[in-house]
Amino acid sequence: MKLLVIFSIVLFGSFTISFAQMKEGKIVFERVINMRRNITDPQMRAMIPESRTDKFELLFNQQSSLFKSIIEEEAPDPFANNGGDRGGPRMMFRMPSTTTYTDLKTLMQYEARSFFEKDFLVIDSVRQISWKISEETKIIAKHLCKKATTTSAGQMMRMNFGGPPPGSPKRDSTQARVDNKPKDIEVVVWYAEDIPVSVGPESFSGLPGAILEVNSDNGASITTAVEISGKYSKKELAKPTVGEVMTRAQFADNMRKIMEDMQRNGPVRFNRSN
């Protein structure tokens, strides 16, 4: 009987999936983007790291949430460990900065975005996502999660590598091209019902639990929770106020025009290694 009790204690202690519900806290996410997903040219692929990893944190309670980037002072070199041809030209990428605040009571979202050294404040209602919930489960950061799927439309930006047509003005051979036709992609998420707050990374939400992983377009971008804590800074969970105010549709139109201008007038810049 004593051995049975000891075995039960050990088993319960090792089965660390939390039965207590967490209604506020902080979730640290790691996002890995496949940088070469839509690039077939060997020379271009050699200039671009295979993947890019960034960290984010999600602060939340039952009233609001804040998803923002974690700025690392010494970010790892994406070209290390065969991440690119270190002896040739390198494509240099700077990911746009975004902070997303969600009012869970009014279902309004406030996104502070910085793009090309300009600040925007996108204010709009929370996206209504149609989820298909599955009974499939897996463990993420010691939490039992259920699977849900949806489809999302997103623009594609492709990198072209090649010289200009004969007779046209000379310009750098590396250019950006925007596919204006949206591409429907599958999004697979995993959410934890023991964190019964409808929050998630970026603008994903609408499930009966916090989303702990987002897999977009079959691995093109995977965002996964790596650390979960019940402690967070309440002062940091604040609504952003800086930037030119516009709706989500207005911001998308602005971005489309910027990318089209880049396509017509300016190549994507890159640095050449010695």
Protein backbone atom coordinates (compact mmCIF):
# COMPACT_ATOMS: atom_id res chain seq x y z
CA MET A 1 0.00 0.00 0.00
CA LYS A 2 2.86 2.36 0.87
CA LEU A 3 4.53 1.64 -2.47
CA LEU A 4 1.25 2.37 -4.26
CA VAL A 5 0.97 5.76 -2.54
CA ILE A 6 4.57 6.64 -3.42
CA PHE A 7 4.03 5.57 -7.03
CA SER A 8 0.89 7.71 -7.24
CA ILE A 9 2.71 10.77 -5.89
CA VAL A 10 5.59 10.31 -8.36
CA LEU A 11 3.20 9.79 -11.26
CA PHE A 12 1.16 12.87 -10.34
CA GLY A 13 4.33 14.93 -9.92
CA SER A 14 5.69 13.92 -13.32
CA PHE A 15 2.35 14.53 -15.05
CA THR A 16 2.80 18.28 -14.95
CA ILE A 17 -0.13 19.24 -17.15
CA SER A 18 -1.85 21.86 -15.04
CA PHE A 19 -5.39 21.22 -13.87
CA ALA A 20 -5.57 24.66 -12.22
CA GLN A 21 -6.84 27.30 -14.60
CA MET A 22 -4.55 30.21 -15.41
CA LYS A 23 -6.49 33.41 -16.15
CA GLU A 24 -3.58 35.86 -16.34
CA GLY A 25 0.13 35.72 -17.01
CA LYS A 26 2.84 35.84 -19.64
CA ILE A 27 3.58 33.51 -22.56
CA VAL A 28 6.92 33.70 -24.38
CA PHE A 29 6.75 32.61 -28.02
CA GLU A 30 9.42 31.69 -30.55
CA ARG A 31 8.62 32.18 -34.23
CA VAL A 32 10.61 30.44 -36.98
CA ILE A 33 10.11 31.64 -40.57
CA ASN A 34 11.26 29.57 -43.56
CA MET A 35 13.06 32.27 -45.56
CA ARG A 36 13.71 30.15 -48.66
CA ARG A 37 10.19 28.75 -48.98
CA ASN A 38 9.28 30.52 -52.24
CA ILE A 39 12.76 31.00 -53.68
CA THR A 40 14.02 28.56 -56.33
CA ASP A 41 17.00 30.42 -57.80
CA PRO A 42 20.21 28.81 -56.37
CA GLN A 43 22.14 32.09 -56.37
CA MET A 44 19.37 33.88 -54.49
CA ARG A 45 18.98 31.01 -52.01
CA ALA A 46 22.70 31.27 -51.21
CA MET A 47 22.21 34.93 -50.27
CA ILE A 48 19.36 34.26 -47.83
CA PRO A 49 19.48 32.39 -44.49
CA GLU A 50 17.42 29.21 -44.36
CA SER A 51 15.31 30.49 -41.49
CA ARG A 52 14.81 33.42 -39.16
CA THR A 53 13.92 33.09 -35.47
CA ASP A 54 12.31 35.84 -33.40
CA LYS A 55 10.89 35.95 -29.88
CA PHE A 56 7.68 37.55 -28.64
CA GLU A 57 5.73 37.78 -25.42
CA LEU A 58 2.01 37.78 -24.77
CA LEU A 59 0.80 39.47 -21.57
CA PHE A 60 -2.82 38.78 -20.71
CA ASN A 61 -5.62 38.84 -18.17
CA GLN A 62 -9.39 38.51 -18.49
CA GLN A 63 -9.78 42.12 -19.67
CA SER A 64 -6.99 42.58 -22.22
CA SER A 65 -3.85 41.19 -23.86
CA LEU A 66 -0.65 42.60 -25.36
CA PHE A 67 1.51 40.79 -27.93
CA LYS A 68 4.89 42.35 -28.68
CA SER A 69 8.40 41.61 -29.89
CA ILE A 70 11.24 40.79 -27.50
CA ILE A 71 14.22 42.86 -28.58
CA GLU A 72 17.45 40.94 -28.06
CA GLU A 73 20.58 43.06 -27.69
CA GLU A 74 22.79 40.47 -29.34
CA ALA A 75 20.64 38.74 -31.93
CA PRO A 76 22.23 35.62 -33.48
CA ASP A 77 23.70 35.92 -36.98
CA PRO A 78 21.15 34.29 -39.33
CA PHE A 79 24.03 33.40 -41.68
CA ALA A 80 25.84 31.34 -39.05
CA ASN A 81 25.83 27.54 -39.22
CA ASN A 82 25.41 27.41 -42.99
CA GLY A 83 22.58 29.94 -42.87
CA GLY A 84 23.83 31.51 -46.10
CA ASP A 85 26.87 31.81 -48.35
CA ARG A 86 29.14 33.79 -46.05
CA GLY A 87 31.56 34.59 -48.87
CA GLY A 88 29.05 36.21 -51.23
CA PRO A 89 26.38 38.89 -51.13
CA ARG A 90 23.87 38.79 -48.29
CA MET A 91 20.27 39.85 -48.27
CA MET A 92 19.61 41.93 -45.17
CA PHE A 93 16.15 41.69 -43.63
CA ARG A 94 14.57 43.83 -40.93
CA MET A 95 11.24 42.54 -39.68
CA PRO A 96 8.58 45.25 -39.17
CA SER A 97 7.92 45.99 -35.50
CA THR A 98 4.37 45.29 -34.32
CA THR A 99 2.65 45.56 -30.93
CA THR A 100 -0.93 44.27 -30.72
CA TYR A 101 -3.23 45.23 -27.84
CA THR A 102 -6.65 43.57 -27.60
CA ASP A 103 -9.53 44.77 -25.43
CA LEU A 104 -11.28 41.50 -24.63
CA LYS A 105 -14.40 43.26 -23.38
CA THR A 106 -15.09 45.56 -26.35
CA LEU A 107 -13.39 43.20 -28.86
CA MET A 108 -11.35 46.08 -30.28
CA GLN A 109 -7.74 45.73 -31.37
CA TYR A 110 -4.97 48.36 -31.41
CA GLU A 111 -1.90 47.52 -33.50
CA ALA A 112 1.17 49.76 -33.31
CA ARG A 113 3.21 49.11 -36.44
CA SER A 114 6.50 50.56 -37.64
CA PHE A 115 7.27 50.23 -41.33
CA PHE A 116 10.03 52.06 -43.23
CA GLU A 117 10.64 54.34 -40.23
CA LYS A 118 7.00 55.39 -40.13
CA ASP A 119 4.62 54.66 -37.23
CA PHE A 120 1.04 53.50 -37.71
CA LEU A 121 -1.72 52.86 -35.19
CA VAL A 122 -4.25 50.44 -36.67
CA ILE A 123 -7.53 50.43 -34.76
CA ASP A 124 -10.22 47.94 -35.73
CA SER A 125 -12.47 45.22 -34.39
CA VAL A 126 -11.04 41.81 -33.52
CA ARG A 127 -10.93 39.49 -36.53
CA GLN A 128 -13.73 36.95 -36.53
CA ILE A 129 -12.12 33.62 -37.42
CA SER A 130 -14.09 30.50 -38.37
CA TRP A 131 -12.34 27.64 -36.57
CA LYS A 132 -12.73 23.91 -37.14
CA ILE A 133 -11.99 22.21 -33.81
CA SER A 134 -10.48 18.72 -33.65
CA GLU A 135 -10.18 16.26 -30.78
CA GLU A 136 -6.50 15.72 -31.63
CA THR A 137 -4.21 16.73 -28.76
CA LYS A 138 -0.54 17.32 -27.96
CA ILE A 139 1.55 18.82 -25.16
CA ILE A 140 3.07 22.29 -25.56
CA ALA A 141 5.02 23.90 -22.72
CA LYS A 142 3.55 21.32 -20.29
CA HIS A 143 -0.03 22.18 -21.27
CA LEU A 144 -2.46 19.80 -22.94
CA CYS A 145 -3.60 21.43 -26.17
CA LYS A 146 -6.35 20.78 -28.70
CA LYS A 147 -6.05 21.32 -32.45
CA ALA A 148 -8.04 23.82 -34.51
CA THR A 149 -7.71 24.82 -38.16
CA THR A 150 -8.79 27.66 -40.43
CA THR A 151 -7.87 29.23 -43.75
CA SER A 152 -6.43 32.68 -44.20
CA ALA A 153 -5.83 34.85 -47.25
CA GLY A 154 -2.50 36.61 -47.48
CA GLN A 155 -0.43 38.40 -50.08
CA MET A 156 2.81 36.90 -51.29
CA MET A 157 6.00 38.87 -51.82
CA ARG A 158 8.50 37.07 -54.01
CA MET A 159 12.15 37.89 -54.63
CA ASN A 160 13.24 37.89 -58.29
CA PHE A 161 16.86 37.47 -59.31
CA GLY A 162 17.82 38.34 -62.88
CA GLY A 163 18.88 41.15 -65.10
CA PRO A 164 16.56 43.68 -66.71
CA PRO A 165 15.18 43.06 -70.21
CA PRO A 166 17.40 44.15 -73.11
CA GLY A 167 17.21 47.87 -73.77
CA SER A 168 15.72 48.74 -70.38
CA PRO A 169 17.51 51.02 -67.88
CA LYS A 170 20.18 49.27 -65.84
CA ARG A 171 19.16 48.48 -62.29
CA ASP A 172 20.13 46.12 -59.52
CA SER A 173 19.25 42.52 -60.37
CA THR A 174 17.43 41.84 -57.10
CA GLN A 175 13.86 43.06 -57.06
CA ALA A 176 10.69 42.56 -55.05
CA ARG A 177 7.50 41.44 -56.74
CA VAL A 178 4.09 41.54 -55.09
CA ASP A 179 1.43 39.02 -56.03
CA ASN A 180 -1.77 41.02 -55.64
CA LYS A 181 -3.97 37.95 -55.81
CA PRO A 182 -4.38 36.58 -52.26
CA LYS A 183 -3.39 33.01 -51.63
CA ASP A 184 -5.53 30.88 -49.33
CA ILE A 185 -3.31 29.18 -46.76
CA GLU A 186 -4.12 26.68 -44.03
CA VAL A 187 -3.47 27.73 -40.46
CA VAL A 188 -3.20 25.05 -37.76
CA VAL A 189 -3.24 26.14 -34.12
CA TRP A 190 -3.09 24.39 -30.77
CA TYR A 191 -4.89 25.91 -27.77
CA ALA A 192 -4.92 25.13 -24.03
CA GLU A 193 -8.30 24.94 -22.32
CA ASP A 194 -6.65 25.21 -18.89
CA ILE A 195 -5.79 28.81 -19.86
CA PRO A 196 -9.44 29.84 -20.44
CA VAL A 197 -8.75 33.25 -21.98
CA SER A 198 -9.35 33.76 -25.71
CA VAL A 199 -5.90 35.08 -26.63
CA GLY A 200 -3.06 34.11 -28.91
CA PRO A 201 -0.02 35.34 -30.83
CA GLU A 202 -0.46 38.19 -33.32
CA SER A 203 -4.20 38.54 -34.07
CA PHE A 204 -5.20 34.89 -33.62
CA SER A 205 -7.92 34.30 -31.03
CA GLY A 206 -11.52 33.17 -30.75
CA LEU A 207 -10.99 29.77 -29.15
CA PRO A 208 -11.95 28.51 -25.67
CA GLY A 209 -8.36 28.78 -24.48
CA ALA A 210 -5.03 30.48 -25.14
CA ILE A 211 -3.40 29.57 -28.45
CA LEU A 212 0.08 28.17 -27.78
CA GLU A 213 1.14 27.35 -31.34
CA VAL A 214 0.38 28.68 -34.82
CA ASN A 215 1.57 26.81 -37.94
CA SER A 216 0.90 28.85 -41.08
CA ASP A 217 1.05 27.39 -44.59
CA ASN A 218 2.44 23.99 -43.62
CA GLY A 219 5.56 25.22 -41.87
CA ALA A 220 6.22 28.49 -43.68
CA SER A 221 5.93 30.18 -40.28
CA ILE A 222 5.63 28.41 -36.92
CA THR A 223 5.06 30.30 -33.67
CA THR A 224 5.32 28.17 -30.51
CA ALA A 225 5.06 28.90 -26.79
CA VAL A 226 8.35 28.10 -25.06
CA GLU A 227 7.68 29.55 -21.59
CA ILE A 228 4.50 30.21 -19.60
CA SER A 229 4.30 32.08 -16.30
CA GLY A 230 1.55 33.39 -14.05
CA LYS A 231 3.62 36.52 -13.39
CA TYR A 232 3.68 39.56 -15.66
CA SER A 233 4.14 43.32 -15.57
CA LYS A 234 0.70 44.93 -15.27
CA LYS A 235 2.21 48.30 -16.22
CA GLU A 236 3.36 46.92 -19.58
CA LEU A 237 -0.13 45.70 -20.46
CA ALA A 238 -1.10 49.10 -21.85
CA LYS A 239 -2.82 50.29 -25.01
CA PRO A 240 -0.43 51.80 -27.63
CA THR A 241 -1.10 55.42 -28.57
CA VAL A 242 1.64 56.45 -31.04
CA GLY A 243 1.23 56.43 -34.81
CA GLU A 244 -0.95 57.59 -37.70
CA VAL A 245 -4.44 56.25 -36.94
CA MET A 246 -6.15 54.15 -39.60
CA THR A 247 -8.30 51.06 -40.03
CA ARG A 248 -6.96 47.64 -40.97
CA ALA A 249 -8.21 48.04 -44.55
CA GLN A 250 -6.54 51.46 -44.87
CA PHE A 251 -3.27 50.06 -43.54
CA ALA A 252 -3.39 47.14 -46.00
CA ASP A 253 -3.96 49.61 -48.84
CA ASN A 254 -0.98 51.68 -47.68
CA MET A 255 1.25 48.60 -47.57
CA ARG A 256 0.13 47.52 -51.04
CA LYS A 257 1.05 50.94 -52.46
CA ILE A 258 4.44 50.89 -50.72
CA MET A 259 5.27 47.45 -52.10
CA GLU A 260 4.15 48.45 -55.60
CA ASP A 261 6.37 51.54 -55.40
CA MET A 262 9.29 49.33 -54.37
CA GLN A 263 8.56 47.05 -57.30
CA ARG A 264 8.54 49.92 -59.79
CA ASN A 265 11.19 52.23 -58.43
CA GLY A 266 13.60 50.52 -56.12
CA PRO A 267 15.37 47.19 -55.78
CA VAL A 268 15.72 45.36 -52.51
CA ARG A 269 19.06 46.39 -51.01
CA PHE A 270 21.74 43.96 -49.94
CA ASN A 271 25.21 44.15 -48.43
CA ARG A 272 28.20 42.48 -50.00
CA SER A 273 30.64 40.65 -47.76
CA ASN A 274 34.36 41.10 -48.19
